[in-house]
Each structure stands twice: as C-alpha cells, then as structure tokens.
Amino acid sequence: MTTLRIGLVLGGGGARGLAHFPVLEALDEMGVVPTAVAGASIGSIIGAGYCGELSGAEIREITTAIFRKRTDALGRMW
C-alpha cells in the first residue's frame, strides 16, 4: 500500500489570501493533513498559523476580527 503525501502551497497577493480560508476548511472537513506547507507573502502567514495547529475556521475568525475595523488594522500596522 502506498502512502499519499500532500503538500499545500499558498500564494501571495494581500486580500487574495482570503481565498485560502475555504480551502483550509475543506481540508479540515475531509481530514486531510498536508505533510508540507509553503507560502508566499500572506500565504506564508496563513500557512504558519495552519502549521501551528490552527484550523481553517480559526484562522478565518482571527483574520476577520483583526480586519473588521479598517482603522484599527491600519493603526496596528503603523
């Protein structure tokens, strides 16, 4: 029997990184655990959270809370 190993690559692009949430949530629902995760820019940040054992839903929740108020997010960046 062959063991299937899956790698996950997450792209960059600022707000486009939000498109990663449904993918992570789908992987969680299917019970698929990637053996390797790579990412660029926002994808690396999301990937780090995912490797840190946050679920896709938890990452979505945290990100939504941070960016809910735009002025708060801008204030944190400065």
PDB file of N, CA and C in Angstrom:
ATOM      1  N   MET A   1       0.836  -1.180   0.000  1.00  0.00           N
ATOM      2  CA  MET A   1       0.000   0.000   0.000  1.00  0.00           C
ATOM      3  C   MET A   1       0.882   1.245   0.000  1.00  0.00           C
ATOM      4  N   THR A   2       0.555   2.193  -0.856  1.00  0.00           N
ATOM      5  CA  THR A   2       1.322   3.419  -0.976  1.00  0.00           C
ATOM      6  C   THR A   2       0.681   4.517  -0.129  1.00  0.00           C
ATOM      7  N   THR A   3       1.509   5.221   0.601  1.00  0.00           N
ATOM      8  CA  THR A   3       1.024   6.341   1.392  1.00  0.00           C
ATOM      9  C   THR A   3       1.060   7.590   0.536  1.00  0.00           C
ATOM     10  N   LEU A   4      -0.053   8.288   0.491  1.00  0.00           N
ATOM     11  CA  LEU A   4      -0.150   9.519  -0.288  1.00  0.00           C
ATOM     12  C   LEU A   4       0.273  10.693   0.575  1.00  0.00           C
ATOM     13  N   ARG A   5       1.254  11.437   0.078  1.00  0.00           N
ATOM     14  CA  ARG A   5       1.721  12.630   0.790  1.00  0.00           C
ATOM     15  C   ARG A   5       1.270  13.849   0.007  1.00  0.00           C
ATOM     16  N   ILE A   6       0.727  14.815   0.704  1.00  0.00           N
ATOM     17  CA  ILE A   6       0.183  16.005   0.053  1.00  0.00           C
ATOM     18  C   ILE A   6       0.892  17.242   0.583  1.00  0.00           C
ATOM     19  N   GLY A   7       1.325  18.076  -0.341  1.00  0.00           N
ATOM     20  CA  GLY A   7       1.912  19.363   0.015  1.00  0.00           C
ATOM     21  C   GLY A   7       0.905  20.458  -0.296  1.00  0.00           C
ATOM     22  N   LEU A   8       0.904  21.497   0.496  1.00  0.00           N
ATOM     23  CA  LEU A   8      -0.014  22.624   0.324  1.00  0.00           C
ATOM     24  C   LEU A   8       0.804  23.872   0.034  1.00  0.00           C
ATOM     25  N   VAL A   9       0.493  24.543  -1.071  1.00  0.00           N
ATOM     26  CA  VAL A   9       1.190  25.771  -1.435  1.00  0.00           C
ATOM     27  C   VAL A   9       0.167  26.907  -1.444  1.00  0.00           C
ATOM     28  N   LEU A  10       0.442  27.947  -0.665  1.00  0.00           N
ATOM     29  CA  LEU A  10      -0.458  29.092  -0.531  1.00  0.00           C
ATOM     30  C   LEU A  10       0.197  30.310  -1.170  1.00  0.00           C
ATOM     31  N   GLY A  11      -0.523  30.975  -2.028  1.00  0.00           N
ATOM     32  CA  GLY A  11       0.021  32.107  -2.770  1.00  0.00           C
ATOM     33  C   GLY A  11      -0.087  33.420  -2.025  1.00  0.00           C
ATOM     34  N   GLY A  12       0.547  34.421  -2.597  1.00  0.00           N
ATOM     35  CA  GLY A  12       0.524  35.762  -2.035  1.00  0.00           C
ATOM     36  C   GLY A  12      -0.497  36.632  -2.743  1.00  0.00           C
ATOM     37  N   GLY A  13      -0.504  37.872  -2.385  1.00  0.00           N
ATOM     38  CA  GLY A  13      -1.387  38.811  -3.057  1.00  0.00           C
ATOM     39  C   GLY A  13      -2.338  39.535  -2.132  1.00  0.00           C
ATOM     40  N   GLY A  14      -1.946  39.762  -0.897  1.00  0.00           N
ATOM     41  CA  GLY A  14      -2.768  40.538   0.023  1.00  0.00           C
ATOM     42  C   GLY A  14      -4.148  39.953   0.235  1.00  0.00           C
ATOM     43  N   ALA A  15      -5.163  40.689  -0.200  1.00  0.00           N
ATOM     44  CA  ALA A  15      -6.546  40.277   0.020  1.00  0.00           C
ATOM     45  C   ALA A  15      -6.869  38.961  -0.676  1.00  0.00           C
ATOM     46  N   ARG A  16      -6.144  38.621  -1.720  1.00  0.00           N
ATOM     47  CA  ARG A  16      -6.379  37.334  -2.387  1.00  0.00           C
ATOM     48  C   ARG A  16      -6.081  36.160  -1.456  1.00  0.00           C
ATOM     49  N   GLY A  17      -5.309  36.415  -0.429  1.00  0.00           N
ATOM     50  CA  GLY A  17      -5.021  35.373   0.550  1.00  0.00           C
ATOM     51  C   GLY A  17      -6.262  34.909   1.289  1.00  0.00           C
ATOM     52  N   LEU A  18      -7.302  35.739   1.299  1.00  0.00           N
ATOM     53  CA  LEU A  18      -8.553  35.354   1.953  1.00  0.00           C
ATOM     54  C   LEU A  18      -9.196  34.160   1.249  1.00  0.00           C
ATOM     55  N   ALA A  19      -8.833  33.935   0.005  1.00  0.00           N
ATOM     56  CA  ALA A  19      -9.363  32.793  -0.743  1.00  0.00           C
ATOM     57  C   ALA A  19      -8.823  31.470  -0.215  1.00  0.00           C
ATOM     58  N   HIS A  20      -7.814  31.515   0.636  1.00  0.00           N
ATOM     59  CA  HIS A  20      -7.256  30.289   1.192  1.00  0.00           C
ATOM     60  C   HIS A  20      -8.159  29.690   2.267  1.00  0.00           C
ATOM     61  N   PHE A  21      -8.984  30.496   2.915  1.00  0.00           N
ATOM     62  CA  PHE A  21      -9.802  30.002   4.027  1.00  0.00           C
ATOM     63  C   PHE A  21     -10.703  28.837   3.632  1.00  0.00           C
ATOM     64  N   PRO A  22     -11.477  28.950   2.541  1.00  0.00           N
ATOM     65  CA  PRO A  22     -12.335  27.812   2.177  1.00  0.00           C
ATOM     66  C   PRO A  22     -11.540  26.537   1.866  1.00  0.00           C
ATOM     67  N   VAL A  23     -10.355  26.692   1.304  1.00  0.00           N
ATOM     68  CA  VAL A  23      -9.521  25.526   1.001  1.00  0.00           C
ATOM     69  C   VAL A  23      -9.085  24.849   2.293  1.00  0.00           C
ATOM     70  N   LEU A  24      -8.619  25.634   3.255  1.00  0.00           N
ATOM     71  CA  LEU A  24      -8.190  25.074   4.537  1.00  0.00           C
ATOM     72  C   LEU A  24      -9.351  24.415   5.260  1.00  0.00           C
ATOM     73  N   GLU A  25     -10.507  25.056   5.218  1.00  0.00           N
ATOM     74  CA  GLU A  25     -11.681  24.490   5.877  1.00  0.00           C
ATOM     75  C   GLU A  25     -12.103  23.175   5.215  1.00  0.00           C
ATOM     76  N   ALA A  26     -12.006  23.104   3.887  1.00  0.00           N
ATOM     77  CA  ALA A  26     -12.341  21.864   3.170  1.00  0.00           C
ATOM     78  C   ALA A  26     -11.363  20.751   3.539  1.00  0.00           C
ATOM     79  N   LEU A  27     -10.073  21.073   3.620  1.00  0.00           N
ATOM     80  CA  LEU A  27      -9.086  20.072   4.031  1.00  0.00           C
ATOM     81  C   LEU A  27      -9.398  19.566   5.438  1.00  0.00           C
ATOM     82  N   ASP A  28      -9.760  20.481   6.328  1.00  0.00           N
ATOM     83  CA  ASP A  28     -10.105  20.094   7.701  1.00  0.00           C
ATOM     84  C   ASP A  28     -11.314  19.160   7.706  1.00  0.00           C
ATOM     85  N   GLU A  29     -12.336  19.486   6.939  1.00  0.00           N
ATOM     86  CA  GLU A  29     -13.543  18.657   6.891  1.00  0.00           C
ATOM     87  C   GLU A  29     -13.259  17.260   6.356  1.00  0.00           C
ATOM     88  N   MET A  30     -12.346  17.164   5.394  1.00  0.00           N
ATOM     89  CA  MET A  30     -12.004  15.866   4.808  1.00  0.00           C
ATOM     90  C   MET A  30     -10.980  15.098   5.645  1.00  0.00           C
ATOM     91  N   GLY A  31     -10.407  15.762   6.645  1.00  0.00           N
ATOM     92  CA  GLY A  31      -9.401  15.115   7.480  1.00  0.00           C
ATOM     93  C   GLY A  31      -8.052  14.979   6.800  1.00  0.00           C
ATOM     94  N   VAL A  32      -7.809  15.806   5.777  1.00  0.00           N
ATOM     95  CA  VAL A  32      -6.539  15.773   5.050  1.00  0.00           C
ATOM     96  C   VAL A  32      -5.528  16.660   5.783  1.00  0.00           C
ATOM     97  N   VAL A  33      -4.390  16.070   6.109  1.00  0.00           N
ATOM     98  CA  VAL A  33      -3.327  16.814   6.790  1.00  0.00           C
ATOM     99  C   VAL A  33      -2.122  16.854   5.861  1.00  0.00           C
ATOM    100  N   PRO A  34      -1.772  18.041   5.351  1.00  0.00           N
ATOM    101  CA  PRO A  34      -0.605  18.132   4.462  1.00  0.00           C
ATOM    102  C   PRO A  34       0.679  17.774   5.199  1.00  0.00           C
ATOM    103  N   THR A  35       1.597  17.158   4.461  1.00  0.00           N
ATOM    104  CA  THR A  35       2.894  16.825   5.052  1.00  0.00           C
ATOM    105  C   THR A  35       3.881  17.980   4.923  1.00  0.00           C
ATOM    106  N   ALA A  36       3.578  18.926   4.033  1.00  0.00           N
ATOM    107  CA  ALA A  36       4.426  20.105   3.852  1.00  0.00           C
ATOM    108  C   ALA A  36       3.534  21.288   3.482  1.00  0.00           C
ATOM    109  N   VAL A  37       3.888  22.463   3.986  1.00  0.00           N
ATOM    110  CA  VAL A  37       3.147  23.687   3.680  1.00  0.00           C
ATOM    111  C   VAL A  37       4.150  24.759   3.283  1.00  0.00           C
ATOM    112  N   ALA A  38       3.879  25.430   2.165  1.00  0.00           N
ATOM    113  CA  ALA A  38       4.730  26.533   1.709  1.00  0.00           C
ATOM    114  C   ALA A  38       3.821  27.686   1.333  1.00  0.00           C
ATOM    115  N   GLY A  39       4.336  28.892   1.430  1.00  0.00           N
ATOM    116  CA  GLY A  39       3.529  30.048   1.070  1.00  0.00           C
ATOM    117  C   GLY A  39       4.376  31.259   0.804  1.00  0.00           C
ATOM    118  N   ALA A  40       3.798  32.193   0.081  1.00  0.00           N
ATOM    119  CA  ALA A  40       4.461  33.463  -0.206  1.00  0.00           C
ATOM    120  C   ALA A  40       3.593  34.581   0.344  1.00  0.00           C
ATOM    121  N   SER A  41       4.226  35.557   0.966  1.00  0.00           N
ATOM    122  CA  SER A  41       3.539  36.738   1.466  1.00  0.00           C
ATOM    123  C   SER A  41       2.413  36.343   2.423  1.00  0.00           C
ATOM    124  N   ILE A  42       1.190  36.733   2.123  1.00  0.00           N
ATOM    125  CA  ILE A  42       0.063  36.412   3.014  1.00  0.00           C
ATOM    126  C   ILE A  42      -0.104  34.902   3.152  1.00  0.00           C
ATOM    127  N   GLY A  43       0.240  34.160   2.114  1.00  0.00           N
ATOM    128  CA  GLY A  43       0.158  32.704   2.177  1.00  0.00           C
ATOM    129  C   GLY A  43       1.095  32.108   3.213  1.00  0.00           C
ATOM    130  N   SER A  44       2.242  32.742   3.413  1.00  0.00           N
ATOM    131  CA  SER A  44       3.176  32.239   4.423  1.00  0.00           C
ATOM    132  C   SER A  44       2.650  32.513   5.830  1.00  0.00           C
ATOM    133  N   ILE A  45       1.959  33.623   6.001  1.00  0.00           N
ATOM    134  CA  ILE A  45       1.385  33.946   7.316  1.00  0.00           C
ATOM    135  C   ILE A  45       0.254  32.969   7.638  1.00  0.00           C
ATOM    136  N   ILE A  46      -0.624  32.747   6.664  1.00  0.00           N
ATOM    137  CA  ILE A  46      -1.729  31.812   6.862  1.00  0.00           C
ATOM    138  C   ILE A  46      -1.177  30.394   7.054  1.00  0.00           C
ATOM    139  N   GLY A  47      -0.177  30.037   6.269  1.00  0.00           N
ATOM    140  CA  GLY A  47       0.438  28.722   6.398  1.00  0.00           C
ATOM    141  C   GLY A  47       1.081  28.511   7.761  1.00  0.00           C
ATOM    142  N   ALA A  48       1.682  29.553   8.307  1.00  0.00           N
ATOM    143  CA  ALA A  48       2.295  29.444   9.636  1.00  0.00           C
ATOM    144  C   ALA A  48       1.233  29.163  10.690  1.00  0.00           C
ATOM    145  N   GLY A  49       0.104  29.834  10.582  1.00  0.00           N
ATOM    146  CA  GLY A  49      -0.998  29.569  11.517  1.00  0.00           C
ATOM    147  C   GLY A  49      -1.520  28.149  11.376  1.00  0.00           C
ATOM    148  N   TYR A  50      -1.622  27.693  10.137  1.00  0.00           N
ATOM    149  CA  TYR A  50      -2.118  26.341   9.887  1.00  0.00           C
ATOM    150  C   TYR A  50      -1.142  25.296  10.418  1.00  0.00           C
ATOM    151  N   CYS A  51       0.156  25.535  10.239  1.00  0.00           N
ATOM    152  CA  CYS A  51       1.168  24.620  10.784  1.00  0.00           C
ATOM    153  C   CYS A  51       1.216  24.689  12.309  1.00  0.00           C
ATOM    154  N   GLY A  52       0.779  25.819  12.851  1.00  0.00           N
ATOM    155  CA  GLY A  52       0.712  25.978  14.303  1.00  0.00           C
ATOM    156  C   GLY A  52      -0.541  25.359  14.893  1.00  0.00           C
ATOM    157  N   GLU A  53      -1.199  24.517  14.103  1.00  0.00           N
ATOM    158  CA  GLU A  53      -2.367  23.741  14.509  1.00  0.00           C
ATOM    159  C   GLU A  53      -3.631  24.558  14.702  1.00  0.00           C
ATOM    160  N   LEU A  54      -3.725  25.717  14.040  1.00  0.00           N
ATOM    161  CA  LEU A  54      -4.994  26.434  13.980  1.00  0.00           C
ATOM    162  C   LEU A  54      -5.792  25.825  12.832  1.00  0.00           C
ATOM    163  N   SER A  55      -7.080  25.690  13.020  1.00  0.00           N
ATOM    164  CA  SER A  55      -7.919  25.175  11.939  1.00  0.00           C
ATOM    165  C   SER A  55      -8.196  26.289  10.937  1.00  0.00           C
ATOM    166  N   GLY A  56      -8.688  25.911   9.778  1.00  0.00           N
ATOM    167  CA  GLY A  56      -9.056  26.913   8.782  1.00  0.00           C
ATOM    168  C   GLY A  56     -10.102  27.879   9.315  1.00  0.00           C
ATOM    169  N   ALA A  57     -11.061  27.360  10.075  1.00  0.00           N
ATOM    170  CA  ALA A  57     -12.113  28.202  10.659  1.00  0.00           C
ATOM    171  C   ALA A  57     -11.531  29.170  11.688  1.00  0.00           C
ATOM    172  N   GLU A  58     -10.565  28.710  12.476  1.00  0.00           N
ATOM    173  CA  GLU A  58      -9.933  29.584  13.473  1.00  0.00           C
ATOM    174  C   GLU A  58      -9.132  30.687  12.797  1.00  0.00           C
ATOM    175  N   ILE A  59      -8.439  30.355  11.732  1.00  0.00           N
ATOM    176  CA  ILE A  59      -7.663  31.370  11.013  1.00  0.00           C
ATOM    177  C   ILE A  59      -8.604  32.408  10.409  1.00  0.00           C
ATOM    178  N   ARG A  60      -9.728  31.944   9.834  1.00  0.00           N
ATOM    179  CA  ARG A  60     -10.728  32.874   9.283  1.00  0.00           C
ATOM    180  C   ARG A  60     -11.255  33.799  10.382  1.00  0.00           C
ATOM    181  N   GLU A  61     -11.570  33.234  11.532  1.00  0.00           N
ATOM    182  CA  GLU A  61     -12.123  34.010  12.644  1.00  0.00           C
ATOM    183  C   GLU A  61     -11.136  35.070  13.143  1.00  0.00           C
ATOM    184  N   ILE A  62      -9.889  34.686  13.309  1.00  0.00           N
ATOM    185  CA  ILE A  62      -8.861  35.610  13.785  1.00  0.00           C
ATOM    186  C   ILE A  62      -8.654  36.742  12.779  1.00  0.00           C
ATOM    187  N   THR A  63      -8.546  36.392  11.511  1.00  0.00           N
ATOM    188  CA  THR A  63      -8.321  37.391  10.464  1.00  0.00           C
ATOM    189  C   THR A  63      -9.497  38.345  10.351  1.00  0.00           C
ATOM    190  N   THR A  64     -10.699  37.802  10.419  1.00  0.00           N
ATOM    191  CA  THR A  64     -11.900  38.645  10.342  1.00  0.00           C
ATOM    192  C   THR A  64     -11.949  39.615  11.518  1.00  0.00           C
ATOM    193  N   ALA A  65     -11.605  39.135  12.707  1.00  0.00           N
ATOM    194  CA  ALA A  65     -11.608  40.000  13.887  1.00  0.00           C
ATOM    195  C   ALA A  65     -10.580  41.117  13.756  1.00  0.00           C
ATOM    196  N   ILE A  66      -9.406  40.797  13.212  1.00  0.00           N
ATOM    197  CA  ILE A  66      -8.350  41.801  13.078  1.00  0.00           C
ATOM    198  C   ILE A  66      -8.740  42.874  12.066  1.00  0.00           C
ATOM    199  N   PHE A  67      -9.303  42.458  10.939  1.00  0.00           N
ATOM    200  CA  PHE A  67      -9.588  43.402   9.865  1.00  0.00           C
ATOM    201  C   PHE A  67     -11.022  43.915   9.835  1.00  0.00           C
ATOM    202  N   ARG A  68     -11.796  43.577  10.861  1.00  0.00           N
ATOM    203  CA  ARG A  68     -13.186  44.032  10.907  1.00  0.00           C
ATOM    204  C   ARG A  68     -13.260  45.561  10.842  1.00  0.00           C
ATOM    205  N   LYS A  69     -12.430  46.198  11.618  1.00  0.00           N
ATOM    206  CA  LYS A  69     -12.380  47.656  11.601  1.00  0.00           C
ATOM    207  C   LYS A  69     -11.103  48.068  10.903  1.00  0.00           C
ATOM    208  N   ARG A  70     -11.273  48.646   9.752  1.00  0.00           N
ATOM    209  CA  ARG A  70     -10.123  49.013   8.932  1.00  0.00           C
ATOM    210  C   ARG A  70      -9.155  49.969   9.635  1.00  0.00           C
ATOM    211  N   THR A  71      -9.702  50.930  10.348  1.00  0.00           N
ATOM    212  CA  THR A  71      -8.839  51.905  11.014  1.00  0.00           C
ATOM    213  C   THR A  71      -7.999  51.245  12.106  1.00  0.00           C
ATOM    214  N   ASP A  72      -8.574  50.262  12.783  1.00  0.00           N
ATOM    215  CA  ASP A  72      -7.797  49.548  13.807  1.00  0.00           C
ATOM    216  C   ASP A  72      -6.643  48.794  13.163  1.00  0.00           C
ATOM    217  N   ALA A  73      -6.912  48.159  12.025  1.00  0.00           N
ATOM    218  CA  ALA A  73      -5.859  47.414  11.317  1.00  0.00           C
ATOM    219  C   ALA A  73      -4.756  48.352  10.856  1.00  0.00           C
ATOM    220  N   LEU A  74      -5.125  49.502  10.304  1.00  0.00           N
ATOM    221  CA  LEU A  74      -4.115  50.466   9.866  1.00  0.00           C
ATOM    222  C   LEU A  74      -3.307  50.989  11.041  1.00  0.00           C
ATOM    223  N   GLY A  75      -3.975  51.223  12.165  1.00  0.00           N
ATOM    224  CA  GLY A  75      -3.275  51.671  13.358  1.00  0.00           C
ATOM    225  C   GLY A  75      -2.265  50.667  13.854  1.00  0.00           C
ATOM    226  N   ARG A  76      -2.600  49.375  13.749  1.00  0.00           N
ATOM    227  CA  ARG A  76      -1.674  48.321  14.182  1.00  0.00           C
ATOM    228  C   ARG A  76      -0.458  48.250  13.264  1.00  0.00           C
ATOM    229  N   MET A  77      -0.692  48.503  11.981  1.00  0.00           N
ATOM    230  CA  MET A  77       0.442  48.447  11.040  1.00  0.00           C
ATOM    231  C   MET A  77       1.418  49.580  11.274  1.00  0.00           C
ATOM    232  N   TRP A  78       0.930  50.737  11.691  1.00  0.00           N
ATOM    233  CA  TRP A  78       1.809  51.875  11.941  1.00  0.00           C
ATOM    234  C   TRP A  78       2.415  51.752  13.305  1.00  0.00           C
TER     235      TRP A  78
END
